[in-house]
Protein backbone atom coordinates (compact mmCIF):
# COMPACT_ATOMS: atom_id res chain seq x y z
CA MET A 1 0.13 -0.06 0.08
CA GLY A 2 1.94 3.27 -1.00
CA PHE A 3 1.76 6.51 1.15
CA ILE A 4 -1.49 7.89 -0.20
CA GLY A 5 -3.55 5.32 0.29
CA PHE A 6 -1.97 4.78 3.97
CA VAL A 7 -2.90 8.41 4.67
CA VAL A 8 -6.70 7.31 3.41
CA LEU A 9 -6.99 4.67 5.46
CA GLY A 10 -5.36 6.28 8.74
CA LEU A 11 -8.18 9.09 7.72
CA ILE A 12 -11.07 6.97 7.16
CA ALA A 13 -9.93 4.78 10.41
CA GLY A 14 -9.59 7.76 12.22
CA ALA A 15 -13.32 8.96 11.16
CA ILE A 16 -15.12 5.78 12.39
CA ALA A 17 -12.84 5.10 15.83
CA LYS A 18 -13.57 8.47 16.62
CA MET A 19 -17.59 7.70 15.81
CA ILE A 20 -17.59 4.49 17.46
CA LEU A 21 -16.40 5.98 20.49
CA PRO A 22 -18.89 7.63 22.62
CA GLY A 23 -17.53 10.96 24.61
CA LYS A 24 -16.54 13.99 22.83
CA GLN A 25 -13.24 13.69 21.42
CA GLY A 26 -11.91 17.49 20.94
CA GLY A 27 -9.43 17.65 17.90
CA GLY A 28 -10.58 18.51 14.13
CA TRP A 29 -9.81 16.78 10.46
CA PHE A 30 -6.08 16.90 10.94
CA ALA A 31 -6.25 14.74 14.53
CA THR A 32 -8.21 12.95 13.14
CA LEU A 33 -5.67 11.95 10.69
CA ILE A 34 -3.35 11.78 13.11
CA LEU A 35 -4.89 9.68 15.45
CA GLY A 36 -5.88 7.66 12.15
CA ILE A 37 -2.60 7.06 10.42
CA ILE A 38 -0.81 6.28 14.65
CA GLY A 39 -4.24 3.92 14.95
CA ALA A 40 -2.88 2.24 11.20
CA VAL A 41 0.62 1.98 12.72
CA VAL A 42 -0.73 0.19 15.87
CA GLY A 43 -2.95 -1.64 14.41
CA GLY A 44 -0.71 -3.14 11.63
CA TRP A 45 2.22 -4.17 14.79
CA VAL A 46 -0.66 -5.91 16.38
CA GLY A 47 -1.88 -7.78 13.97
CA SER A 48 1.20 -8.35 12.40
CA LEU A 49 2.43 -9.51 15.37
CA MET A 50 -0.80 -12.16 16.87
CA PHE A 51 -1.87 -13.31 13.74
CA ASN A 52 0.57 -12.58 11.34
CA GLU A 53 -1.33 -10.46 8.61
CA PRO A 54 -0.11 -7.52 8.02
CA LEU A 55 -1.46 -4.36 6.60
CA SER A 56 -0.81 -4.49 3.08
CA ASP A 57 -4.12 -4.62 0.69
CA PHE A 58 -6.16 -1.50 0.72
CA TRP A 59 -9.19 -3.24 0.07
CA SER A 60 -9.34 -6.08 2.38
CA LEU A 61 -10.99 -6.52 5.16
CA TRP A 62 -8.24 -7.33 7.63
CA THR A 63 -6.74 -3.80 7.12
CA TRP A 64 -10.05 -2.00 7.67
CA VAL A 65 -10.48 -3.85 10.87
CA MET A 66 -6.75 -4.01 11.87
CA ALA A 67 -6.82 -0.37 11.28
CA ILE A 68 -9.95 0.91 12.86
CA VAL A 69 -9.15 -1.40 15.89
CA GLY A 70 -5.64 0.44 16.37
CA SER A 71 -7.29 3.91 16.28
CA LEU A 72 -9.49 2.99 18.83
CA ILE A 73 -6.83 2.12 20.92
CA VAL A 74 -4.87 5.05 20.12
CA LEU A 75 -8.04 7.00 20.71
CA LEU A 76 -8.47 5.32 24.42
CA VAL A 77 -4.20 5.84 25.46
CA TRP A 78 -4.81 9.91 24.02
CA GLY A 79 -8.64 10.25 25.87
CA LEU A 80 -6.45 8.68 29.22
CA LEU A 81 -3.96 10.96 28.82
CA THR A 82 -5.91 14.11 28.35
CA LYS A 83 -8.35 13.10 30.46
CA ASN A 84 -7.47 15.70 33.30
CA ARG A 85 -6.64 18.39 31.19
CA LYS A 86 -8.90 21.75 31.63
CA THR A 87 -9.59 23.96 28.65
CA ALA A 88 -9.82 28.02 29.08
C-alpha cells in the first residue's frame, strides 16, 4: 500500500473510531488524520504480531478492521492522557 493509500486509510479509520467511541473527542480533521495514521500503524503492528497479517492491501477487510481497532486503542490512550486537562 502506498503513502497516499495509508493516509486515506488513516483518515477514514480515525473518523470511524471517533464515531464508535462515545463521548466528546476534540480535534478537527487533522487530529483525526494523525490519530488514524498512528492507529493504523498500531493496528498493523498488533495484527502482524498476533495473527501474522500485516496491513498490505487497501481493499482488504482485515486491513480496515485492524486500522479501526488500532485507532480505537490510540483514541482511548489519548483520552486517558488528556482526561485531566482543563480548557480555558
